[in-house]
């Protein structure tokens, strides 16, 4: 197999884009089990007795009393509630392991260290690599034997691996092996011998975009708040816990949740495949007016050219859109990707009742 590198302008630069058959690799992820090397994703280890209570105060997720084996998403917000960092967090054997986007490893580590003050916490780079498995046959006996477990952990949990690292289940048909960096080749050989097919990050990105899962810095911009991209909910359901307080940006989170809807929404777009592909960050236009920005753009084996987009909330699914740079590309909103109308928030409802009583 010939490994084709990811384009240099991509946030995944340095990884493998595909092995010569990108659509075949996506098919394999749908019908069998594939291995995606995501070792370019940096990892950070937090140790010390105060690590959970300390992290609880500076992040959006409820992590003060996470049990051993828990896996959650988490955010750092600025004072206006805008997303600065997004990471996956695994609590196991007295250590909290964080992994994040390739370009955010050093800035996130620097921020965490800056916020320690007097807490009993040590933040250090972790020599761990993320290897992702996708597909309906992850639970086959041969794959489990190669991993070294009798069964996969439940969703949003992790268990230790023989020889170091851990395996975690993120969602159905999506598992990560977080292993020592020095052992990447050995793990790849074991998994390939068990029938797992190596694929590039193209297959992973197509899978992610089709499920409308956002990625920091690609599907978000400097104005993004968690509500716009679905990062709201409790452990296992999002990156922001609505039943906790005392963290930076909390006021915005509570205000948007209680008084109204976010100004933008994340949707899936279907692109005109006969034209050149647009790029992340390109404006999305309706009637010649900008109503949003393009996120991840990828060719999907079944859906064709698709992209995420942050659009002004309330744009109907049938509106004709264009995007792209010098050459316009037609686009349509996938109606199933529009956020559900959850009605009026409790706070807004109370305000409207007061106003109606004053008339």
Protein backbone atom coordinates (compact mmCIF):
# COMPACT_ATOMS: atom_id res chain seq x y z
CA UNK A 1 0.00 0.00 0.00
CA UNK A 2 1.22 3.49 -0.83
CA UNK A 3 0.55 6.06 1.89
CA UNK A 4 -0.61 9.41 0.50
CA UNK A 5 0.14 12.22 2.99
CA UNK A 6 -2.45 14.71 4.15
CA UNK A 7 -2.20 18.05 2.28
CA UNK A 8 0.15 20.50 4.01
CA UNK A 9 -2.56 23.10 4.69
CA UNK A 10 -4.67 20.59 6.66
CA UNK A 11 -4.78 20.47 10.48
CA UNK A 12 -3.87 16.77 10.04
CA UNK A 13 -0.66 17.56 8.12
CA UNK A 14 1.90 14.82 8.74
CA UNK A 15 -0.70 12.04 8.92
CA UNK A 16 -1.74 9.65 6.13
CA UNK A 17 -4.62 10.92 3.98
CA UNK A 18 -5.32 7.55 2.34
CA UNK A 19 -3.59 4.41 1.02
CA UNK A 20 -4.60 4.73 -2.63
CA UNK A 21 -8.28 3.76 -2.37
CA UNK A 22 -10.10 6.39 -0.26
CA UNK A 23 -13.62 5.26 -1.13
CA UNK A 24 -12.74 1.61 -0.63
CA UNK A 25 -11.38 2.56 2.79
CA UNK A 26 -14.67 4.26 3.67
CA UNK A 27 -16.58 1.16 2.54
CA UNK A 28 -14.38 -0.99 4.77
CA UNK A 29 -15.22 1.28 7.72
CA UNK A 30 -18.92 0.71 7.03
CA UNK A 31 -18.78 -3.07 6.65
CA UNK A 32 -15.75 -4.34 8.56
CA UNK A 33 -13.20 -2.72 10.88
CA UNK A 34 -10.47 -0.22 10.03
CA UNK A 35 -7.52 1.36 11.80
CA UNK A 36 -6.83 5.11 11.59
CA UNK A 37 -3.46 6.30 12.90
CA UNK A 38 -4.21 9.56 14.71
CA UNK A 39 -0.94 9.67 16.59
CA UNK A 40 -0.45 13.29 15.51
CA UNK A 41 -3.04 14.13 18.16
CA UNK A 42 -1.13 15.36 21.27
CA UNK A 43 -1.75 13.91 24.74
CA UNK A 44 -1.31 15.47 28.19
CA UNK A 45 -1.14 13.69 31.56
CA UNK A 46 -2.49 15.32 34.73
CA UNK A 47 -1.41 13.88 38.06
CA UNK A 48 -1.78 14.99 41.68
CA UNK A 49 -4.47 14.74 44.33
CA UNK A 50 -6.28 17.93 43.24
CA UNK A 51 -6.38 17.32 39.50
CA UNK A 52 -10.11 16.56 39.23
CA UNK A 53 -11.40 19.33 41.54
CA UNK A 54 -8.96 21.81 39.97
CA UNK A 55 -9.95 20.93 36.39
CA UNK A 56 -13.61 21.16 37.42
CA UNK A 57 -13.16 24.88 38.22
CA UNK A 58 -11.53 25.86 34.91
CA UNK A 59 -13.54 23.82 32.41
CA UNK A 60 -17.14 23.40 31.30
CA UNK A 61 -17.65 19.73 32.20
CA UNK A 62 -18.56 18.21 35.58
CA UNK A 63 -15.34 16.33 36.39
CA UNK A 64 -14.81 16.83 40.15
CA UNK A 65 -15.92 13.30 41.00
CA UNK A 66 -15.41 11.38 37.75
CA UNK A 67 -15.16 7.65 38.49
CA UNK A 68 -12.22 5.57 37.33
CA UNK A 69 -12.65 4.67 33.67
CA UNK A 70 -14.83 7.65 32.75
CA UNK A 71 -14.40 9.35 29.35
CA UNK A 72 -15.86 12.82 28.69
CA UNK A 73 -15.53 15.74 26.31
CA UNK A 74 -14.53 19.06 27.86
CA UNK A 75 -14.05 22.72 26.92
CA UNK A 76 -12.19 25.80 27.97
CA UNK A 77 -14.22 28.97 27.32
CA UNK A 78 -13.28 32.62 27.36
CA UNK A 79 -15.08 35.18 29.51
CA UNK A 80 -17.75 35.65 26.80
CA UNK A 81 -18.44 31.92 26.61
CA UNK A 82 -16.62 31.41 23.30
CA UNK A 83 -14.81 28.11 22.78
CA UNK A 84 -11.03 28.26 23.16
CA UNK A 85 -10.18 24.56 23.55
CA UNK A 86 -11.90 21.22 23.16
CA UNK A 87 -10.47 17.94 24.38
CA UNK A 88 -11.25 14.33 25.27
CA UNK A 89 -10.56 13.43 28.87
CA UNK A 90 -10.01 9.93 30.25
CA UNK A 91 -9.83 9.21 33.98
CA UNK A 92 -7.91 6.00 34.75
CA UNK A 93 -5.62 4.64 37.47
CA UNK A 94 -5.11 7.94 39.27
CA UNK A 95 -4.19 9.86 36.12
CA UNK A 96 -6.24 12.15 33.89
CA UNK A 97 -5.24 11.88 30.20
CA UNK A 98 -6.23 14.68 27.83
CA UNK A 99 -5.95 14.52 24.05
CA UNK A 100 -6.71 17.41 21.73
CA UNK A 101 -6.25 18.83 18.25
CA UNK A 102 -2.72 18.68 16.77
CA UNK A 103 -2.29 22.46 16.76
CA UNK A 104 -3.61 22.96 20.30
CA UNK A 105 -1.33 20.63 22.26
CA UNK A 106 1.31 23.15 23.34
CA UNK A 107 -1.10 26.10 23.91
CA UNK A 108 -3.42 23.92 26.00
CA UNK A 109 -0.53 22.56 28.08
CA UNK A 110 0.74 26.12 28.67
CA UNK A 111 -2.75 27.27 29.72
CA UNK A 112 -3.21 24.37 32.14
CA UNK A 113 0.16 25.00 33.75
CA UNK A 114 -0.61 28.71 34.08
CA UNK A 115 -3.85 27.92 35.94
CA UNK A 116 -2.41 25.52 38.55
CA UNK A 117 -1.39 28.13 41.20
CA UNK A 118 -1.31 26.26 44.56
CA UNK A 119 -3.19 23.09 43.55
CA UNK A 120 -1.55 19.67 43.84
CA UNK A 121 -1.50 19.13 40.06
CA UNK A 122 1.26 18.36 37.57
CA UNK A 123 0.64 18.72 33.82
CA UNK A 124 3.12 17.03 31.48
CA UNK A 125 3.16 15.78 27.87
CA UNK A 126 2.16 12.12 27.72
CA UNK A 127 4.03 9.75 25.41
CA UNK A 128 0.77 8.21 24.25
CA UNK A 129 -0.66 7.87 20.72
CA UNK A 130 -4.30 7.66 19.59
CA UNK A 131 -5.17 4.81 17.21
CA UNK A 132 -8.83 4.77 16.20
CA UNK A 133 -10.90 1.75 15.16
CA UNK A 134 -14.11 2.19 13.17
CA UNK A 135 -16.68 -0.29 11.93
CA UNK A 136 -19.35 -2.82 12.89
CA UNK A 137 -16.84 -5.67 13.38
CA UNK A 138 -14.75 -4.10 16.13
CA UNK A 139 -16.16 -6.65 18.54
CA UNK A 140 -15.08 -9.70 16.49
CA UNK A 141 -13.17 -12.28 18.52
CA UNK A 142 -9.97 -11.88 16.49
CA UNK A 143 -9.97 -8.10 17.04
CA UNK A 144 -10.66 -8.43 20.76
CA UNK A 145 -7.83 -10.96 21.03
CA UNK A 146 -5.48 -8.54 19.28
CA UNK A 147 -6.49 -5.76 21.66
CA UNK A 148 -6.11 -8.04 24.66
CA UNK A 149 -9.62 -7.70 26.13
CA UNK A 150 -12.53 -10.12 26.41
CA UNK A 151 -15.06 -7.37 25.63
CA UNK A 152 -15.00 -3.71 24.72
CA UNK A 153 -15.72 -1.18 27.46
CA UNK A 154 -19.12 0.46 27.55
CA UNK A 155 -19.67 3.73 25.72
CA UNK A 156 -17.89 6.67 27.42
CA UNK A 157 -15.65 4.37 29.47
CA UNK A 158 -12.09 3.04 29.27
CA UNK A 159 -10.13 0.05 30.60
CA UNK A 160 -6.35 -0.45 30.86
CA UNK A 161 -4.47 -2.31 28.14
CA UNK A 162 -1.85 -4.97 28.81
CA UNK A 163 1.55 -3.31 28.58
CA UNK A 164 0.31 0.23 29.09
CA UNK A 165 -2.27 2.64 27.72
CA UNK A 166 -5.98 2.01 27.52
CA UNK A 167 -8.89 1.27 25.20
CA UNK A 168 -11.95 3.51 25.28
CA UNK A 169 -15.31 3.29 23.54
CA UNK A 170 -16.51 6.66 22.31
CA UNK A 171 -19.64 5.60 20.46
CA UNK A 172 -21.11 2.53 18.85
CA UNK A 173 -18.62 1.26 16.25
CA UNK A 174 -15.97 3.78 17.34
CA UNK A 175 -13.11 2.81 19.67
CA UNK A 176 -9.74 4.38 20.47
CA UNK A 177 -6.58 2.59 21.52
CA UNK A 178 -4.40 5.06 23.42
CA UNK A 179 -1.02 3.33 23.51
CA UNK A 180 2.65 4.15 24.21
CA UNK A 181 4.15 5.95 21.20
CA UNK A 182 7.03 3.51 21.07
CA UNK A 183 4.50 0.69 20.53
CA UNK A 184 2.59 2.11 17.53
CA UNK A 185 4.16 -0.25 14.98
CA UNK A 186 3.64 -3.30 17.18
CA UNK A 187 -0.02 -2.45 17.69
CA UNK A 188 -0.55 -1.84 13.99
CA UNK A 189 0.99 -5.20 13.10
CA UNK A 190 -1.16 -7.03 15.66
CA UNK A 191 -4.36 -5.42 14.42
CA UNK A 192 -3.57 -5.98 10.75
CA UNK A 193 -2.87 -9.65 11.50
CA UNK A 194 -6.36 -9.80 13.06
CA UNK A 195 -7.96 -8.56 9.83
CA UNK A 196 -8.13 -4.84 10.59
CA UNK A 197 -7.53 -2.68 7.50
CA UNK A 198 -5.31 0.43 7.84
CA UNK A 199 -6.96 3.52 6.34
CA UNK A 200 -6.15 7.23 6.21
CA UNK A 201 -7.74 10.12 8.04
CA UNK A 202 -9.92 10.84 4.97
CA UNK A 203 -12.10 7.89 6.00
CA UNK A 204 -12.23 9.17 9.59
CA UNK A 205 -13.17 12.69 8.50
CA UNK A 206 -15.89 11.45 6.14
CA UNK A 207 -17.33 9.39 8.99
CA UNK A 208 -17.19 12.38 11.38
CA UNK A 209 -18.71 14.92 9.00
CA UNK A 210 -21.59 12.62 8.00
CA UNK A 211 -22.47 12.40 11.72
CA UNK A 212 -22.17 16.21 12.05
CA UNK A 213 -19.58 16.04 14.81
CA UNK A 214 -17.72 19.37 15.04
CA UNK A 215 -13.98 19.82 15.16
CA UNK A 216 -12.29 22.73 16.93
CA UNK A 217 -10.77 25.32 14.63
CA UNK A 218 -12.23 23.72 11.51
CA UNK A 219 -15.96 23.68 12.13
CA UNK A 220 -15.68 26.46 14.73
CA UNK A 221 -14.31 29.99 14.59
CA UNK A 222 -13.28 32.61 17.15
CA UNK A 223 -16.96 33.48 17.83
CA UNK A 224 -18.30 29.96 18.36
CA UNK A 225 -20.24 29.25 21.55
CA UNK A 226 -20.97 25.65 22.62
CA UNK A 227 -24.70 25.80 21.83
CA UNK A 228 -24.04 26.47 18.15
CA UNK A 229 -22.24 23.18 17.54
CA UNK A 230 -24.02 20.81 19.93
CA UNK A 231 -21.43 20.74 22.72
CA UNK A 232 -24.08 20.88 25.46
CA UNK A 233 -25.08 18.10 27.88
CA UNK A 234 -23.95 15.93 30.78
CA UNK A 235 -21.16 13.34 30.84
CA UNK A 236 -21.30 11.23 27.70
CA UNK A 237 -23.72 13.69 26.09
CA UNK A 238 -21.63 16.76 25.33
CA UNK A 239 -18.81 18.96 26.54
CA UNK A 240 -20.78 21.37 28.75
CA UNK A 241 -22.62 20.28 31.88
CA UNK A 242 -25.61 22.51 32.61
CA UNK A 243 -25.82 21.60 36.30
CA UNK A 244 -22.46 23.03 37.32
CA UNK A 245 -21.24 26.56 37.77
CA UNK A 246 -18.18 28.59 38.68
CA UNK A 247 -16.24 28.41 35.44
CA UNK A 248 -15.23 31.06 32.94
CA UNK A 249 -17.95 31.67 30.35
CA UNK A 250 -20.71 30.18 32.51
CA UNK A 251 -22.88 33.31 32.27
CA UNK A 252 -23.13 33.07 28.48
CA UNK A 253 -23.89 29.35 28.61
CA UNK A 254 -26.70 29.88 31.13
CA UNK A 255 -28.12 32.95 29.36
CA UNK A 256 -28.36 31.28 25.95
CA UNK A 257 -29.80 28.13 27.48
CA UNK A 258 -32.46 29.94 29.51
CA UNK A 259 -33.36 32.99 27.46
CA UNK A 260 -33.08 32.08 23.83
CA UNK A 261 -31.38 30.23 21.01
CA UNK A 262 -27.81 30.61 19.76
CA UNK A 263 -27.27 32.96 16.83
CA UNK A 264 -25.87 30.24 14.55
CA UNK A 265 -26.35 26.54 13.87
CA UNK A 266 -24.11 23.76 12.58
CA UNK A 267 -25.57 21.98 9.55
CA UNK A 268 -24.54 19.50 6.88
CA UNK A 269 -24.31 20.79 3.31
CA UNK A 270 -24.43 18.81 0.08
CA UNK A 271 -22.13 20.38 -2.51
CA UNK A 272 -22.27 20.44 -6.30
CA UNK A 273 -19.81 17.70 -7.25
CA UNK A 274 -19.21 19.02 -10.75
CA UNK A 275 -17.37 22.10 -9.48
CA UNK A 276 -14.07 22.65 -7.71
CA UNK A 277 -14.18 21.94 -3.99
CA UNK A 278 -14.55 24.98 -1.73
CA UNK A 279 -12.32 25.39 1.32
CA UNK A 280 -12.78 25.63 5.06
CA UNK A 281 -13.59 29.21 6.00
CA UNK A 282 -15.20 30.12 2.68
CA UNK A 283 -18.34 32.24 3.12
CA UNK A 284 -21.75 30.66 2.59
CA UNK A 285 -24.09 32.95 0.65
CA UNK A 286 -27.87 33.13 0.22
CA UNK A 287 -29.09 35.58 -2.41
CA UNK A 288 -25.61 37.04 -2.59
CA UNK A 289 -25.47 37.81 1.15
CA UNK A 290 -23.12 36.01 3.57
CA UNK A 291 -25.04 33.94 6.14
CA UNK A 292 -22.24 31.76 7.50
CA UNK A 293 -18.93 30.00 6.99
CA UNK A 294 -17.88 26.62 5.64
CA UNK A 295 -16.27 24.04 7.92
CA UNK A 296 -14.85 20.64 6.97
CA UNK A 297 -15.13 19.71 3.28
CA UNK A 298 -14.81 16.04 2.33
CA UNK A 299 -15.89 13.57 -0.36
CA UNK A 300 -18.06 10.81 1.11
CA UNK A 301 -18.44 7.44 -0.57
CA UNK A 302 -22.25 7.54 -0.39
CA UNK A 303 -23.16 11.19 0.11
CA UNK A 304 -20.72 12.68 -2.38
CA UNK A 305 -19.12 16.06 -1.63
CA UNK A 306 -20.34 17.24 1.77
CA UNK A 307 -19.35 19.90 4.28
CA UNK A 308 -20.23 21.25 7.67
CA UNK A 309 -21.28 24.89 7.88
CA UNK A 310 -22.04 27.38 10.64
CA UNK A 311 -25.07 29.31 9.38
CA UNK A 312 -27.35 31.97 10.74
CA UNK A 313 -30.06 30.23 12.76
CA UNK A 314 -33.42 29.95 11.08
CA UNK A 315 -32.20 29.52 7.51
CA UNK A 316 -34.70 27.10 5.87
CA UNK A 317 -33.53 23.85 4.33
CA UNK A 318 -34.80 24.71 0.86
CA UNK A 319 -32.89 27.97 0.43
CA UNK A 320 -30.42 28.00 -2.47
CA UNK A 321 -26.87 28.55 -1.25
CA UNK A 322 -23.49 29.14 -2.83
CA UNK A 323 -20.01 28.92 -1.36
CA UNK A 324 -16.42 28.78 -2.53
CA UNK A 325 -13.78 31.34 -3.33
CA UNK A 326 -13.15 32.57 -6.87
CA UNK A 327 -15.61 30.05 -8.36
CA UNK A 328 -19.08 29.67 -6.84
CA UNK A 329 -20.21 26.21 -5.76
CA UNK A 330 -23.90 25.43 -5.27
CA UNK A 331 -24.91 23.94 -1.93
CA UNK A 332 -28.04 22.62 -0.23
CA UNK A 333 -28.75 22.07 3.47
CA UNK A 334 -29.42 18.50 4.55
CA UNK A 335 -32.83 18.92 6.19
CA UNK A 336 -32.14 16.14 8.69
CA UNK A 337 -29.17 18.10 10.03
CA UNK A 338 -31.21 21.15 11.07
CA UNK A 339 -31.37 21.46 14.88
CA UNK A 340 -34.66 20.55 16.46
CA UNK A 341 -36.82 23.45 17.61
CA UNK A 342 -36.90 22.86 21.36
CA UNK A 343 -39.33 25.71 21.96
CA UNK A 344 -38.94 28.76 24.20
CA UNK A 345 -36.45 28.53 27.04
CA UNK A 346 -37.78 28.71 30.59
CA UNK A 347 -36.27 32.14 31.19
CA UNK A 348 -37.62 33.59 27.96
CA UNK A 349 -41.05 32.15 28.68
CA UNK A 350 -41.08 33.84 32.08
CA UNK A 351 -40.09 37.19 30.55
CA UNK A 352 -42.84 36.96 27.94
CA UNK A 353 -45.43 36.12 30.60
CA UNK A 354 -44.40 39.17 32.64
CA UNK A 355 -44.65 41.40 29.57
CA UNK A 356 -48.09 40.06 28.68
CA UNK A 357 -49.34 40.74 32.22
CA UNK A 358 -48.11 44.34 32.00
CA UNK A 359 -50.11 45.09 28.86
